[in-house]
Amino acid sequence: MENVGIKYRFSAKVWRYSSTGGTGGWWIVRFPKELAKEIRENLKCLEEGWGRLKITAKIGDSQCQTAIRFDRKRDTYLLPLKAEIKKKEAIEIGKEENVIIWI
C-alpha cells in the first residue's frame, strides 16, 4: 500500500469510548490537541459529515484505510481502532501506541 498525502506522527494511550458507560464500545486513540488543531485549521475542507476525515493509519506493522472524527466535546480527533489491528498488534486499553497517519 503506497502512502500518499500529509504525514503525521504521534503517541497516545488507547482508551475505551462508550456512549452507554458499559463495558462495550470502541477502542479509541485521541489525537494530541495541538495536532488536531493544526489538522483542523489546514484540512477541515476535506471533512465529510460530522467531522469525518478519511485517512490511512499505521500502528506497529499494521496499516489500514479508515477515518477519524472530530469530537467537539473533547476538541480533538478520535481514531477508532479496528479489531484486526488490535489483535495483530496486541493493543491494550491504557497502553501508549505510536501512530502514523496520512491524510
Protein backbone atom coordinates (compact mmCIF):
# COMPACT_ATOMS: atom_id res chain seq x y z
CA MET A 1 0.00 0.00 0.00
CA GLU A 2 1.51 3.28 -1.10
CA ASN A 3 1.16 6.08 1.42
CA VAL A 4 0.43 9.47 -0.04
CA GLY A 5 -0.69 12.72 1.50
CA ILE A 6 0.39 14.67 4.53
CA LYS A 7 2.07 12.51 7.16
CA TYR A 8 1.61 12.98 10.91
CA ARG A 9 3.11 11.03 13.84
CA PHE A 10 2.05 10.97 17.48
CA SER A 11 1.83 8.76 20.55
CA ALA A 12 -1.29 8.34 22.65
CA LYS A 13 -2.89 5.97 25.12
CA VAL A 14 -5.67 3.67 23.97
CA TRP A 15 -8.97 4.12 25.78
CA ARG A 16 -12.48 2.71 25.55
CA TYR A 17 -15.18 5.00 24.20
CA SER A 18 -18.66 4.00 25.30
CA SER A 19 -21.68 6.21 24.91
CA THR A 20 -23.63 3.99 27.33
CA GLY A 21 -20.99 3.78 30.05
CA GLY A 22 -20.91 -0.04 29.80
CA THR A 23 -18.03 -2.37 29.03
CA GLY A 24 -18.60 -2.35 25.27
CA GLY A 25 -17.68 0.37 22.85
CA TRP A 26 -14.91 1.41 20.53
CA TRP A 27 -11.22 1.37 21.35
CA ILE A 28 -10.00 4.86 20.55
CA VAL A 29 -6.81 6.86 20.25
CA ARG A 30 -7.19 10.60 20.88
CA PHE A 31 -5.05 13.00 18.88
CA PRO A 32 -2.93 15.48 20.84
CA LYS A 33 -4.94 18.71 20.86
CA GLU A 34 -2.22 20.79 19.21
CA LEU A 35 -2.02 18.28 16.33
CA ALA A 36 -5.82 18.18 15.99
CA LYS A 37 -5.89 21.98 15.88
CA GLU A 38 -3.27 22.03 13.10
CA ILE A 39 -5.11 19.40 11.05
CA ARG A 40 -8.48 21.10 11.52
CA GLU A 41 -7.12 24.54 10.57
CA ASN A 42 -5.48 23.23 7.40
CA LEU A 43 -7.67 20.32 6.27
CA LYS A 44 -11.19 20.94 7.57
CA CYS A 45 -12.26 21.48 3.96
CA LEU A 46 -11.70 17.73 3.39
CA GLU A 47 -14.03 16.69 6.21
CA GLU A 48 -17.27 14.93 5.41
CA GLY A 49 -20.38 14.87 7.62
CA TRP A 50 -19.91 15.12 11.40
CA GLY A 51 -16.20 15.95 11.14
CA ARG A 52 -15.25 12.68 9.39
CA LEU A 53 -11.87 12.73 7.66
CA LYS A 54 -10.57 9.80 5.59
CA ILE A 55 -7.03 8.69 6.43
CA THR A 56 -4.55 5.85 6.25
CA ALA A 57 -3.38 4.79 9.71
CA LYS A 58 -0.42 2.70 10.81
CA ILE A 59 0.24 1.22 14.24
CA GLY A 60 3.18 -1.15 14.55
CA ASP A 61 3.36 -3.17 11.33
CA SER A 62 -0.39 -2.88 10.65
CA GLN A 63 -1.87 -0.35 8.28
CA CYS A 64 -5.43 0.32 7.09
CA GLN A 65 -7.71 2.77 5.36
CA THR A 66 -10.05 4.30 7.93
CA ALA A 67 -11.43 7.62 9.11
CA ILE A 68 -11.08 9.90 12.10
CA ARG A 69 -13.86 12.03 13.56
CA PHE A 70 -13.66 15.38 15.25
CA ASP A 71 -15.13 15.24 18.75
CA ARG A 72 -16.33 18.73 19.68
CA LYS A 73 -16.72 17.82 23.35
CA ARG A 74 -13.05 16.76 23.61
CA ASP A 75 -11.85 19.30 20.98
CA THR A 76 -9.78 16.69 19.15
CA TYR A 77 -9.92 13.94 16.56
CA LEU A 78 -10.65 10.35 17.57
CA LEU A 79 -9.20 7.33 15.76
CA PRO A 80 -11.21 4.14 16.32
CA LEU A 81 -9.03 1.02 16.21
CA LYS A 82 -10.10 -1.86 14.01
CA ALA A 83 -10.39 -5.29 15.65
CA GLU A 84 -7.86 -6.87 13.27
CA ILE A 85 -5.21 -4.28 14.19
CA LYS A 86 -5.94 -4.56 17.91
CA LYS A 87 -5.41 -8.31 17.70
CA LYS A 88 -2.39 -8.34 15.38
CA GLU A 89 -0.54 -5.62 17.34
CA ALA A 90 -1.64 -6.91 20.81
CA ILE A 91 -3.07 -3.49 21.68
CA GLU A 92 -4.38 -3.00 25.21
CA ILE A 93 -6.53 -0.36 26.90
CA GLY A 94 -4.29 2.15 28.71
CA LYS A 95 -1.20 1.27 26.66
CA GLU A 96 0.51 4.05 24.71
CA GLU A 97 0.79 3.44 20.97
CA ASN A 98 2.83 5.13 18.27
CA VAL A 99 0.55 6.18 15.43
CA ILE A 100 1.32 7.36 11.90
CA ILE A 101 -1.41 8.75 9.67
CA TRP A 102 -1.58 10.06 6.14
CA ILE A 103 -4.33 12.45 5.06
